[in-house]
Amino acid sequence: MIAFVQGPVAAVTPGSAVVEVGGVGMLVKCTPRTLAELRIGQHTRLTTSLIVKEDSLTLYGFTDEDERATFEILLTASGVAATMALAMLGVFTPDELRRVVAQGDAKSLTAVPRIGPKLAQKLLLEYKDKLGAPHGSVPAQKPIAAGPAPWQDQLQAALVGLGYAPREADEAVTAVTPEAEEQAVTDVGALLKAALRTLNRTR
């Protein structure tokens, strides 16, 4: 098993990053939250989980061990593939997700793309005894490091990475821009949640 990858970031796309390890580019699928913090050329260390199938080997990368462990627990539910588990961690931090499950908050869980009310109720039951209680208060979102790309581009890429069409992503970015500019918010994690709320209202 590959426990982590460490090295300079060679490339970043809406759904993955390439980390150079010993002269080899390792393709790692990550959450939009993680990708928003990566910068090409900068050194990074991602905790990883390797998914092995008959026709593929896919590496998933996370900011820390808690996120990786939560990802692997999410995969234990029937019908939850790696793409959906990654989407859940794109919307919620591990502790936020534990809080949602502990409170039986199906409505919040439907903020994740492709999770409707029925599936949300089913997942709440399956995860109730697996995720455990929240570790503490929900941590404040990390600010996005300064970089050449504006937060609008990062947010649009994050939404596309979660499976929304570029047009839908553009509309969601436009919808949250006035509030973000008024409050001087540039945290992609917080803005992602606001954008998802606008998308849910238009379903």
N, C-alpha and C. Protein backbone atom coordinates (compact mmCIF):
# COMPACT_ATOMS: atom_id res chain seq x y z
N MET A 1 0.85 -1.21 0.00
CA MET A 1 0.00 0.00 0.00
C MET A 1 0.88 1.25 0.00
N ILE A 2 0.48 2.25 -0.73
CA ILE A 2 1.18 3.54 -0.74
C ILE A 2 0.54 4.41 0.33
N ALA A 3 1.27 4.67 1.42
CA ALA A 3 0.71 5.40 2.56
C ALA A 3 0.65 6.91 2.33
N PHE A 4 1.62 7.44 1.58
CA PHE A 4 1.61 8.86 1.27
C PHE A 4 2.51 9.14 0.08
N VAL A 5 2.30 10.29 -0.54
CA VAL A 5 3.21 10.76 -1.59
C VAL A 5 3.72 12.14 -1.17
N GLN A 6 4.96 12.40 -1.52
CA GLN A 6 5.57 13.65 -1.09
C GLN A 6 6.50 14.16 -2.18
N GLY A 7 6.36 15.44 -2.49
CA GLY A 7 7.20 16.02 -3.53
C GLY A 7 6.57 17.26 -4.10
N PRO A 8 7.21 17.85 -5.12
CA PRO A 8 6.64 19.06 -5.75
C PRO A 8 5.41 18.74 -6.57
N VAL A 9 4.47 19.67 -6.58
CA VAL A 9 3.24 19.53 -7.39
C VAL A 9 3.58 19.86 -8.84
N ALA A 10 3.35 18.89 -9.72
CA ALA A 10 3.68 19.08 -11.14
C ALA A 10 2.49 19.60 -11.94
N ALA A 11 1.27 19.26 -11.51
CA ALA A 11 0.07 19.69 -12.24
C ALA A 11 -1.14 19.59 -11.33
N VAL A 12 -2.14 20.42 -11.61
CA VAL A 12 -3.40 20.39 -10.87
C VAL A 12 -4.54 20.51 -11.87
N THR A 13 -5.52 19.60 -11.80
CA THR A 13 -6.70 19.63 -12.65
C THR A 13 -7.93 19.71 -11.73
N PRO A 14 -9.15 19.86 -12.28
CA PRO A 14 -10.32 19.93 -11.41
C PRO A 14 -10.52 18.72 -10.50
N GLY A 15 -10.00 17.55 -10.89
CA GLY A 15 -10.26 16.36 -10.07
C GLY A 15 -9.02 15.68 -9.52
N SER A 16 -7.83 16.12 -9.91
CA SER A 16 -6.63 15.40 -9.47
C SER A 16 -5.41 16.31 -9.50
N ALA A 17 -4.33 15.78 -8.94
CA ALA A 17 -3.04 16.47 -8.96
C ALA A 17 -1.97 15.47 -9.34
N VAL A 18 -0.88 15.97 -9.87
CA VAL A 18 0.28 15.12 -10.16
C VAL A 18 1.40 15.57 -9.23
N VAL A 19 1.90 14.63 -8.43
CA VAL A 19 2.99 14.92 -7.50
C VAL A 19 4.23 14.15 -7.99
N GLU A 20 5.33 14.87 -8.13
CA GLU A 20 6.57 14.23 -8.59
C GLU A 20 7.26 13.54 -7.43
N VAL A 21 7.42 12.23 -7.55
CA VAL A 21 8.07 11.43 -6.51
C VAL A 21 9.24 10.68 -7.13
N GLY A 22 10.44 11.09 -6.81
CA GLY A 22 11.62 10.41 -7.35
C GLY A 22 11.69 10.41 -8.85
N GLY A 23 11.26 11.50 -9.47
CA GLY A 23 11.31 11.60 -10.92
C GLY A 23 10.11 10.99 -11.62
N VAL A 24 9.15 10.46 -10.86
CA VAL A 24 7.94 9.86 -11.42
C VAL A 24 6.73 10.70 -11.02
N GLY A 25 5.87 11.00 -11.98
CA GLY A 25 4.66 11.76 -11.69
C GLY A 25 3.54 10.85 -11.21
N MET A 26 3.12 11.00 -9.97
CA MET A 26 2.05 10.19 -9.39
C MET A 26 0.73 10.95 -9.52
N LEU A 27 -0.24 10.37 -10.24
CA LEU A 27 -1.56 10.98 -10.38
C LEU A 27 -2.40 10.64 -9.16
N VAL A 28 -2.86 11.67 -8.46
CA VAL A 28 -3.61 11.48 -7.22
C VAL A 28 -4.94 12.20 -7.32
N LYS A 29 -6.04 11.49 -7.15
CA LYS A 29 -7.36 12.10 -7.13
C LYS A 29 -7.61 12.68 -5.74
N CYS A 30 -8.10 13.94 -5.71
CA CYS A 30 -8.27 14.64 -4.44
C CYS A 30 -9.60 15.37 -4.40
N THR A 31 -9.99 15.80 -3.21
CA THR A 31 -11.19 16.61 -3.06
C THR A 31 -10.91 18.02 -3.57
N PRO A 32 -11.95 18.75 -3.97
CA PRO A 32 -11.75 20.15 -4.39
C PRO A 32 -11.10 20.98 -3.29
N ARG A 33 -11.42 20.68 -2.03
CA ARG A 33 -10.85 21.43 -0.91
C ARG A 33 -9.33 21.25 -0.88
N THR A 34 -8.87 20.01 -1.08
CA THR A 34 -7.43 19.74 -1.08
C THR A 34 -6.76 20.37 -2.30
N LEU A 35 -7.38 20.22 -3.46
CA LEU A 35 -6.80 20.75 -4.68
C LEU A 35 -6.66 22.27 -4.63
N ALA A 36 -7.60 22.94 -3.96
CA ALA A 36 -7.56 24.39 -3.89
C ALA A 36 -6.35 24.89 -3.11
N GLU A 37 -5.75 24.04 -2.30
CA GLU A 37 -4.60 24.44 -1.50
C GLU A 37 -3.27 24.12 -2.17
N LEU A 38 -3.31 23.39 -3.29
CA LEU A 38 -2.08 23.01 -3.96
C LEU A 38 -1.65 24.07 -4.96
N ARG A 39 -0.35 24.26 -5.09
CA ARG A 39 0.21 25.19 -6.05
C ARG A 39 1.31 24.48 -6.83
N ILE A 40 1.28 24.64 -8.15
CA ILE A 40 2.29 24.00 -8.99
C ILE A 40 3.69 24.49 -8.59
N GLY A 41 4.59 23.53 -8.41
CA GLY A 41 5.96 23.85 -8.02
C GLY A 41 6.20 23.81 -6.53
N GLN A 42 5.13 23.90 -5.74
CA GLN A 42 5.30 23.86 -4.29
C GLN A 42 5.35 22.41 -3.79
N HIS A 43 6.08 22.21 -2.70
CA HIS A 43 6.20 20.88 -2.10
C HIS A 43 4.92 20.53 -1.34
N THR A 44 4.48 19.29 -1.44
CA THR A 44 3.29 18.87 -0.70
C THR A 44 3.47 17.44 -0.20
N ARG A 45 2.68 17.09 0.78
CA ARG A 45 2.64 15.71 1.29
C ARG A 45 1.19 15.32 1.45
N LEU A 46 0.75 14.31 0.72
CA LEU A 46 -0.63 13.85 0.77
C LEU A 46 -0.69 12.43 1.30
N THR A 47 -1.51 12.22 2.32
CA THR A 47 -1.80 10.87 2.79
C THR A 47 -2.67 10.20 1.73
N THR A 48 -2.43 8.93 1.44
CA THR A 48 -3.11 8.31 0.30
C THR A 48 -3.80 6.99 0.62
N SER A 49 -4.74 6.65 -0.24
CA SER A 49 -5.44 5.37 -0.20
C SER A 49 -5.46 4.81 -1.62
N LEU A 50 -5.02 3.58 -1.78
CA LEU A 50 -4.93 2.97 -3.11
C LEU A 50 -6.13 2.04 -3.32
N ILE A 51 -6.91 2.31 -4.37
CA ILE A 51 -8.05 1.47 -4.72
C ILE A 51 -7.64 0.58 -5.89
N VAL A 52 -7.70 -0.72 -5.67
CA VAL A 52 -7.26 -1.69 -6.68
C VAL A 52 -8.47 -2.37 -7.30
N LYS A 53 -8.56 -2.30 -8.62
CA LYS A 53 -9.60 -3.01 -9.36
C LYS A 53 -8.94 -3.88 -10.43
N GLU A 54 -9.74 -4.69 -11.08
CA GLU A 54 -9.18 -5.58 -12.10
C GLU A 54 -8.44 -4.83 -13.19
N ASP A 55 -9.00 -3.70 -13.59
CA ASP A 55 -8.44 -2.97 -14.73
C ASP A 55 -7.80 -1.64 -14.36
N SER A 56 -7.63 -1.37 -13.06
CA SER A 56 -7.06 -0.07 -12.70
C SER A 56 -6.49 -0.06 -11.29
N LEU A 57 -5.54 0.86 -11.09
CA LEU A 57 -5.01 1.19 -9.77
C LEU A 57 -5.19 2.70 -9.62
N THR A 58 -5.98 3.13 -8.64
CA THR A 58 -6.27 4.56 -8.49
C THR A 58 -5.84 5.02 -7.11
N LEU A 59 -5.07 6.10 -7.09
CA LEU A 59 -4.55 6.65 -5.85
C LEU A 59 -5.37 7.89 -5.47
N TYR A 60 -5.85 7.91 -4.22
CA TYR A 60 -6.62 9.04 -3.71
C TYR A 60 -5.80 9.73 -2.62
N GLY A 61 -5.76 11.07 -2.68
CA GLY A 61 -4.93 11.81 -1.75
C GLY A 61 -5.72 12.70 -0.82
N PHE A 62 -5.20 12.86 0.42
CA PHE A 62 -5.92 13.60 1.47
C PHE A 62 -4.95 14.46 2.27
N THR A 63 -5.51 15.47 2.92
CA THR A 63 -4.67 16.40 3.67
C THR A 63 -4.11 15.79 4.95
N ASP A 64 -4.83 14.81 5.53
CA ASP A 64 -4.33 14.20 6.76
C ASP A 64 -4.90 12.79 6.92
N GLU A 65 -4.46 12.12 7.98
CA GLU A 65 -4.86 10.73 8.22
C GLU A 65 -6.34 10.60 8.54
N ASP A 66 -6.90 11.59 9.25
CA ASP A 66 -8.32 11.54 9.59
C ASP A 66 -9.17 11.54 8.33
N GLU A 67 -8.82 12.37 7.35
CA GLU A 67 -9.57 12.43 6.11
C GLU A 67 -9.46 11.11 5.34
N ARG A 68 -8.25 10.54 5.32
CA ARG A 68 -8.07 9.26 4.62
C ARG A 68 -8.87 8.15 5.30
N ALA A 69 -8.82 8.08 6.62
CA ALA A 69 -9.55 7.04 7.35
C ALA A 69 -11.05 7.20 7.15
N THR A 70 -11.54 8.44 7.14
CA THR A 70 -12.97 8.68 6.92
C THR A 70 -13.38 8.23 5.53
N PHE A 71 -12.55 8.53 4.54
CA PHE A 71 -12.80 8.10 3.16
C PHE A 71 -12.98 6.58 3.10
N GLU A 72 -12.12 5.83 3.75
CA GLU A 72 -12.18 4.37 3.70
C GLU A 72 -13.42 3.84 4.44
N ILE A 73 -13.85 4.54 5.49
CA ILE A 73 -15.09 4.15 6.18
C ILE A 73 -16.28 4.41 5.27
N LEU A 74 -16.28 5.53 4.57
CA LEU A 74 -17.39 5.86 3.67
C LEU A 74 -17.56 4.78 2.60
N LEU A 75 -16.47 4.20 2.16
CA LEU A 75 -16.53 3.17 1.12
C LEU A 75 -17.19 1.88 1.58
N THR A 76 -17.33 1.70 2.90
CA THR A 76 -17.91 0.46 3.40
C THR A 76 -19.42 0.39 3.23
N ALA A 77 -20.06 1.51 2.94
CA ALA A 77 -21.52 1.51 2.73
C ALA A 77 -21.84 0.95 1.35
N SER A 78 -22.88 0.16 1.26
CA SER A 78 -23.26 -0.42 -0.02
C SER A 78 -23.66 0.67 -1.00
N GLY A 79 -23.15 0.57 -2.22
CA GLY A 79 -23.50 1.52 -3.25
C GLY A 79 -22.68 2.79 -3.27
N VAL A 80 -21.73 2.92 -2.34
CA VAL A 80 -20.88 4.12 -2.30
C VAL A 80 -19.54 3.80 -2.94
N ALA A 81 -19.30 4.39 -4.10
CA ALA A 81 -18.03 4.23 -4.79
C ALA A 81 -17.07 5.33 -4.35
N ALA A 82 -15.83 5.20 -4.79
CA ALA A 82 -14.81 6.17 -4.38
C ALA A 82 -15.18 7.59 -4.80
N THR A 83 -15.81 7.74 -5.97
CA THR A 83 -16.18 9.07 -6.45
C THR A 83 -17.16 9.76 -5.50
N MET A 84 -18.15 9.00 -5.01
CA MET A 84 -19.13 9.59 -4.09
C MET A 84 -18.50 9.87 -2.73
N ALA A 85 -17.64 8.97 -2.25
CA ALA A 85 -16.97 9.19 -0.97
C ALA A 85 -16.11 10.44 -1.04
N LEU A 86 -15.44 10.64 -2.16
CA LEU A 86 -14.60 11.82 -2.33
C LEU A 86 -15.47 13.08 -2.39
N ALA A 87 -16.64 12.96 -3.03
CA ALA A 87 -17.56 14.10 -3.10
C ALA A 87 -18.05 14.50 -1.71
N MET A 88 -18.31 13.50 -0.86
CA MET A 88 -18.76 13.80 0.51
C MET A 88 -17.69 14.58 1.26
N LEU A 89 -16.43 14.18 1.06
CA LEU A 89 -15.34 14.88 1.73
C LEU A 89 -15.00 16.19 1.04
N GLY A 90 -15.54 16.40 -0.16
CA GLY A 90 -15.39 17.69 -0.81
C GLY A 90 -16.35 18.71 -0.23
N VAL A 91 -17.47 18.23 0.28
CA VAL A 91 -18.49 19.12 0.86
C VAL A 91 -18.28 19.28 2.36
N PHE A 92 -17.91 18.20 3.05
CA PHE A 92 -17.75 18.22 4.51
C PHE A 92 -16.34 17.84 4.92
N THR A 93 -15.83 18.44 5.99
CA THR A 93 -14.63 17.94 6.64
C THR A 93 -15.03 16.66 7.37
N PRO A 94 -14.08 15.80 7.77
CA PRO A 94 -14.45 14.60 8.50
C PRO A 94 -15.30 14.87 9.74
N ASP A 95 -14.95 15.90 10.52
CA ASP A 95 -15.71 16.16 11.74
C ASP A 95 -17.09 16.72 11.43
N GLU A 96 -17.20 17.52 10.38
CA GLU A 96 -18.52 18.00 9.97
C GLU A 96 -19.40 16.83 9.55
N LEU A 97 -18.80 15.86 8.86
CA LEU A 97 -19.55 14.69 8.42
C LEU A 97 -19.99 13.84 9.61
N ARG A 98 -19.11 13.70 10.59
CA ARG A 98 -19.49 12.96 11.81
C ARG A 98 -20.65 13.65 12.51
N ARG A 99 -20.63 14.98 12.51
CA ARG A 99 -21.70 15.73 13.16
C ARG A 99 -23.03 15.56 12.41
N VAL A 100 -22.97 15.59 11.08
CA VAL A 100 -24.17 15.39 10.27
C VAL A 100 -24.79 14.03 10.55
N VAL A 101 -23.95 13.00 10.61
CA VAL A 101 -24.44 11.64 10.86
C VAL A 101 -24.97 11.51 12.28
N ALA A 102 -24.24 12.06 13.26
CA ALA A 102 -24.66 11.97 14.66
C ALA A 102 -26.00 12.66 14.88
N GLN A 103 -26.26 13.73 14.14
CA GLN A 103 -27.51 14.47 14.29
C GLN A 103 -28.62 13.95 13.38
N GLY A 104 -28.29 12.95 12.54
CA GLY A 104 -29.28 12.41 11.61
C GLY A 104 -29.76 13.45 10.61
N ASP A 105 -28.85 14.32 10.20
CA ASP A 105 -29.20 15.45 9.35
C ASP A 105 -29.18 15.06 7.86
N ALA A 106 -30.24 14.42 7.40
CA ALA A 106 -30.31 13.96 6.02
C ALA A 106 -30.33 15.14 5.05
N LYS A 107 -30.94 16.24 5.43
CA LYS A 107 -31.02 17.39 4.53
C LYS A 107 -29.64 17.92 4.18
N SER A 108 -28.76 18.02 5.17
CA SER A 108 -27.40 18.49 4.90
C SER A 108 -26.66 17.53 3.99
N LEU A 109 -26.89 16.23 4.16
CA LEU A 109 -26.19 15.23 3.36
C LEU A 109 -26.57 15.32 1.89
N THR A 110 -27.78 15.80 1.60
CA THR A 110 -28.21 15.91 0.21
C THR A 110 -27.49 17.06 -0.53
N ALA A 111 -26.66 17.81 0.19
CA ALA A 111 -25.84 18.83 -0.48
C ALA A 111 -24.78 18.18 -1.36
N VAL A 112 -24.50 16.91 -1.10
CA VAL A 112 -23.51 16.18 -1.91
C VAL A 112 -24.16 15.78 -3.23
N PRO A 113 -23.51 16.06 -4.35
CA PRO A 113 -24.08 15.67 -5.65
C PRO A 113 -24.40 14.18 -5.70
N ARG A 114 -25.55 13.86 -6.30
CA ARG A 114 -26.04 12.49 -6.50
C ARG A 114 -26.54 11.80 -5.23
N ILE A 115 -26.65 12.55 -4.13
CA ILE A 115 -27.26 11.98 -2.93
C ILE A 115 -28.61 12.66 -2.72
N GLY A 116 -29.68 11.89 -2.94
CA GLY A 116 -31.03 12.38 -2.73
C GLY A 116 -31.52 12.04 -1.33
N PRO A 117 -32.74 12.42 -0.98
CA PRO A 117 -33.26 12.18 0.37
C PRO A 117 -33.26 10.70 0.78
N LYS A 118 -33.68 9.80 -0.12
CA LYS A 118 -33.73 8.38 0.24
C LYS A 118 -32.35 7.81 0.51
N LEU A 119 -31.41 8.13 -0.37
CA LEU A 119 -30.04 7.63 -0.17
C LEU A 119 -29.43 8.25 1.08
N ALA A 120 -29.74 9.51 1.35
CA ALA A 120 -29.21 10.16 2.54
C ALA A 120 -29.66 9.44 3.80
N GLN A 121 -30.94 9.09 3.88
CA GLN A 121 -31.44 8.35 5.05
C GLN A 121 -30.76 7.01 5.19
N LYS A 122 -30.55 6.34 4.06
CA LYS A 122 -29.89 5.02 4.07
C LYS A 122 -28.45 5.14 4.57
N LEU A 123 -27.75 6.16 4.10
CA LEU A 123 -26.36 6.33 4.50
C LEU A 123 -26.24 6.72 5.97
N LEU A 124 -27.18 7.51 6.46
CA LEU A 124 -27.15 7.87 7.88
C LEU A 124 -27.22 6.62 8.75
N LEU A 125 -28.05 5.66 8.35
CA LEU A 125 -28.16 4.41 9.11
C LEU A 125 -26.88 3.59 9.02
N GLU A 126 -26.31 3.54 7.83
CA GLU A 126 -25.11 2.72 7.65
C GLU A 126 -23.89 3.30 8.36
N TYR A 127 -23.79 4.63 8.43
CA TYR A 127 -22.62 5.25 9.01
C TYR A 127 -22.75 5.53 10.51
N LYS A 128 -23.95 5.37 11.03
CA LYS A 128 -24.21 5.76 12.42
C LYS A 128 -23.22 5.14 13.40
N ASP A 129 -22.92 3.85 13.24
CA ASP A 129 -22.03 3.17 14.18
C ASP A 129 -20.61 3.03 13.65
N LYS A 130 -20.32 3.68 12.52
CA LYS A 130 -18.99 3.54 11.92
C LYS A 130 -18.14 4.80 12.04
N LEU A 131 -18.76 5.96 11.85
CA LEU A 131 -17.98 7.19 11.86
C LEU A 131 -17.65 7.68 13.27
N GLY A 132 -18.51 7.34 14.23
CA GLY A 132 -18.27 7.78 15.59
C GLY A 132 -18.73 9.20 15.84
N ALA A 133 -18.48 9.67 17.06
CA ALA A 133 -18.91 11.01 17.46
C ALA A 133 -17.92 12.05 16.94
N PRO A 134 -18.39 13.30 16.77
CA PRO A 134 -17.46 14.38 16.38
C PRO A 134 -16.33 14.49 17.39
N HIS A 135 -15.14 14.81 16.92
CA HIS A 135 -13.98 14.91 17.80
C HIS A 135 -13.96 16.19 18.60
N GLY A 136 -14.70 17.17 18.15
CA GLY A 136 -14.72 18.45 18.85
C GLY A 136 -15.52 19.44 18.06
N SER A 137 -15.31 20.71 18.33
CA SER A 137 -16.01 21.73 17.56
C SER A 137 -15.52 21.69 16.13
N VAL A 138 -16.41 22.02 15.19
CA VAL A 138 -16.03 22.02 13.79
C VAL A 138 -14.96 23.08 13.58
N PRO A 139 -13.79 22.69 13.05
CA PRO A 139 -12.70 23.66 12.89
C PRO A 139 -13.03 24.73 11.87
N ALA A 140 -12.41 25.89 12.07
CA ALA A 140 -12.60 26.97 11.10
C ALA A 140 -11.98 26.57 9.78
N GLN A 141 -12.56 27.03 8.71
CA GLN A 141 -12.03 26.73 7.39
C GLN A 141 -10.66 27.36 7.23
N LYS A 142 -9.75 26.67 6.55
CA LYS A 142 -8.43 27.22 6.29
C LYS A 142 -8.51 28.24 5.16
N PRO A 143 -7.85 29.37 5.34
CA PRO A 143 -7.84 30.32 4.23
C PRO A 143 -7.02 29.78 3.08
N ILE A 144 -7.38 30.16 1.87
CA ILE A 144 -6.65 29.72 0.69
C ILE A 144 -5.36 30.53 0.59
N ALA A 145 -4.26 29.83 0.35
CA ALA A 145 -2.98 30.51 0.21
C ALA A 145 -3.01 31.41 -1.02
N ALA A 146 -2.23 32.48 -0.91
CA ALA A 146 -2.19 33.41 -2.04
C ALA A 146 -1.66 32.71 -3.28
N GLY A 147 -2.18 33.04 -4.41
CA GLY A 147 -1.74 32.42 -5.65
C GLY A 147 -2.26 33.20 -6.83
N PRO A 148 -1.82 32.85 -8.00
CA PRO A 148 -2.21 33.62 -9.18
C PRO A 148 -3.66 33.46 -9.58
N ALA A 149 -4.27 32.30 -9.24
CA ALA A 149 -5.65 32.05 -9.67
C ALA A 149 -6.63 32.72 -8.71
N PRO A 150 -7.65 33.45 -9.22
CA PRO A 150 -8.65 34.05 -8.34
C PRO A 150 -9.55 32.97 -7.74
N TRP A 151 -10.20 33.31 -6.62
CA TRP A 151 -11.03 32.31 -5.96
C TRP A 151 -12.19 31.86 -6.85
N GLN A 152 -12.63 32.72 -7.74
CA GLN A 152 -13.72 32.32 -8.62
C GLN A 152 -13.32 31.12 -9.49
N ASP A 153 -12.10 31.14 -10.01
CA ASP A 153 -11.63 30.02 -10.83
C ASP A 153 -11.50 28.75 -10.00
N GLN A 154 -11.01 28.89 -8.77
CA GLN A 154 -10.85 27.72 -7.90
C GLN A 154 -12.21 27.12 -7.55
N LEU A 155 -13.18 28.00 -7.26
CA LEU A 155 -14.51 27.52 -6.91
C LEU A 155 -15.18 26.85 -8.11
N GLN A 156 -15.04 27.44 -9.29
CA GLN A 156 -15.61 26.85 -10.49
C GLN A 156 -15.01 25.47 -10.75
N ALA A 157 -13.69 25.34 -10.58
CA ALA A 157 -13.03 24.06 -10.78
C ALA A 157 -13.48 23.04 -9.74
N ALA A 158 -13.69 23.50 -8.50
CA ALA A 158 -14.15 22.60 -7.44
C ALA A 158 -15.53 22.04 -7.76
N LEU A 159 -16.43 22.88 -8.25
CA LEU A 159 -17.78 22.44 -8.58
C LEU A 159 -17.78 21.47 -9.76
N VAL A 160 -16.96 21.77 -10.76
CA VAL A 160 -16.84 20.84 -11.90
C VAL A 160 -16.27 19.51 -11.43
N GLY A 161 -15.32 19.57 -10.49
CA GLY A 161 -14.74 18.35 -9.94
C GLY A 161 -15.75 17.51 -9.19
N LEU A 162 -16.81 18.16 -8.67
CA LEU A 162 -17.87 17.42 -7.96
C LEU A 162 -18.93 16.89 -8.91
N GLY A 163 -18.79 17.17 -10.20
CA GLY A 163 -19.70 16.59 -11.18
C GLY A 163 -20.71 17.54 -11.80
N TYR A 164 -20.66 18.81 -11.42
CA TYR A 164 -21.60 19.78 -12.02
C TYR A 164 -21.10 20.23 -13.39
N ALA A 165 -22.04 20.56 -14.26
CA ALA A 165 -21.69 21.05 -15.59
C ALA A 165 -21.05 22.43 -15.45
N PRO A 166 -20.13 22.79 -16.36
CA PRO A 166 -19.49 24.11 -16.30
C PRO A 166 -20.49 25.27 -16.23
N ARG A 167 -21.60 25.14 -16.97
CA ARG A 167 -22.61 26.21 -16.93
C ARG A 167 -23.20 26.35 -15.53
N GLU A 168 -23.53 25.20 -14.89
CA GLU A 168 -24.08 25.24 -13.53
C GLU A 168 -23.06 25.82 -12.56
N ALA A 169 -21.80 25.43 -12.73
CA ALA A 169 -20.74 25.94 -11.85
C ALA A 169 -20.60 27.45 -12.00
N ASP A 170 -20.63 27.94 -13.24
CA ASP A 170 -20.51 29.38 -13.47
C ASP A 170 -21.65 30.14 -12.81
N GLU A 171 -22.87 29.59 -12.91
CA GLU A 171 -24.04 30.25 -12.32
C GLU A 171 -23.93 30.29 -10.80
N ALA A 172 -23.42 29.20 -10.21
CA ALA A 172 -23.26 29.16 -8.75
C ALA A 172 -22.21 30.15 -8.29
N VAL A 173 -21.11 30.25 -9.03
CA VAL A 173 -20.06 31.21 -8.69
C VAL A 173 -20.61 32.64 -8.76
N THR A 174 -21.38 32.92 -9.80
CA THR A 174 -21.98 34.25 -9.95
C THR A 174 -22.93 34.55 -8.78
N ALA A 175 -23.66 33.52 -8.33
CA ALA A 175 -24.64 33.71 -7.26
C ALA A 175 -23.98 34.06 -5.93
N VAL A 176 -22.81 33.49 -5.65
CA VAL A 176 -22.17 33.74 -4.35
C VAL A 176 -21.18 34.91 -4.38
N THR A 177 -20.89 35.43 -5.57
CA THR A 177 -19.89 36.50 -5.69
C THR A 177 -20.24 37.76 -4.90
N PRO A 178 -21.48 38.28 -4.96
CA PRO A 178 -21.78 39.51 -4.21
C PRO A 178 -21.52 39.38 -2.72
N GLU A 179 -21.98 38.28 -2.13
CA GLU A 179 -21.78 38.09 -0.69
C GLU A 179 -20.30 37.91 -0.37
N ALA A 180 -19.58 37.16 -1.22
CA ALA A 180 -18.16 36.92 -0.98
C ALA A 180 -17.37 38.23 -1.03
N GLU A 181 -17.69 39.09 -1.99
CA GLU A 181 -16.98 40.35 -2.12
C GLU A 181 -17.33 41.31 -0.98
N GLU A 182 -18.60 41.29 -0.58
CA GLU A 182 -19.04 42.19 0.50
C GLU A 182 -18.36 41.83 1.81
N GLN A 183 -18.22 40.52 2.07
CA GLN A 183 -17.63 40.07 3.32
C GLN A 183 -16.15 39.75 3.19
N ALA A 184 -15.57 39.97 2.01
CA ALA A 184 -14.15 39.72 1.76
C ALA A 184 -13.77 38.27 2.05
N VAL A 185 -14.65 37.36 1.64
CA VAL A 185 -14.41 35.93 1.84
C VAL A 185 -13.71 35.35 0.61
N THR A 186 -12.56 34.68 0.84
CA THR A 186 -11.86 34.02 -0.27
C THR A 186 -11.59 32.56 0.04
N ASP A 187 -12.20 32.03 1.12
CA ASP A 187 -12.02 30.64 1.52
C ASP A 187 -12.87 29.75 0.62
N VAL A 188 -12.23 28.97 -0.24
CA VAL A 188 -12.96 28.13 -1.19
C VAL A 188 -13.83 27.11 -0.48
N GLY A 189 -13.39 26.58 0.67
CA GLY A 189 -14.20 25.61 1.39
C GLY A 189 -15.54 26.17 1.82
N ALA A 190 -15.52 27.39 2.37
CA ALA A 190 -16.77 28.04 2.81
C ALA A 190 -17.62 28.43 1.61
N LEU A 191 -16.97 28.95 0.57
CA LEU A 191 -17.71 29.37 -0.61
C LEU A 191 -18.31 28.18 -1.35
N LEU A 192 -17.64 27.03 -1.29
CA LEU A 192 -18.16 25.83 -1.94
C LEU A 192 -19.51 25.45 -1.33
N LYS A 193 -19.62 25.54 -0.02
CA LYS A 193 -20.88 25.20 0.64
C LYS A 193 -21.98 26.17 0.23
N ALA A 194 -21.65 27.45 0.16
CA ALA A 194 -22.64 28.45 -0.25
C ALA A 194 -23.09 28.19 -1.69
N ALA A 195 -22.14 27.85 -2.55
CA ALA A 195 -22.48 27.58 -3.95
C ALA A 195 -23.36 26.35 -4.07
N LEU A 196 -23.07 25.31 -3.28
CA LEU A 196 -23.87 24.09 -3.32
C LEU A 196 -25.30 24.36 -2.87
N ARG A 197 -25.45 25.28 -1.91
CA ARG A 197 -26.81 25.62 -1.46
C ARG A 197 -27.60 26.26 -2.60
N THR A 198 -26.96 27.11 -3.39
CA THR A 198 -27.67 27.73 -4.51
C THR A 198 -28.04 26.69 -5.57
N LEU A 199 -27.17 25.72 -5.78
CA LEU A 199 -27.45 24.67 -6.75
C LEU A 199 -28.60 23.77 -6.29
N ASN A 200 -28.65 23.50 -4.99
CA ASN A 200 -29.72 22.66 -4.44
C ASN A 200 -31.07 23.33 -4.58
N ARG A 201 -31.09 24.66 -4.48
CA ARG A 201 -32.36 25.37 -4.60
C ARG A 201 -32.91 25.32 -6.01
N THR A 202 -32.03 25.09 -7.00
CA THR A 202 -32.46 25.07 -8.39
C THR A 202 -32.72 23.67 -8.91
N ARG A 203 -32.59 22.64 -8.07
CA ARG A 203 -32.84 21.27 -8.50
C ARG A 203 -34.29 21.05 -8.84
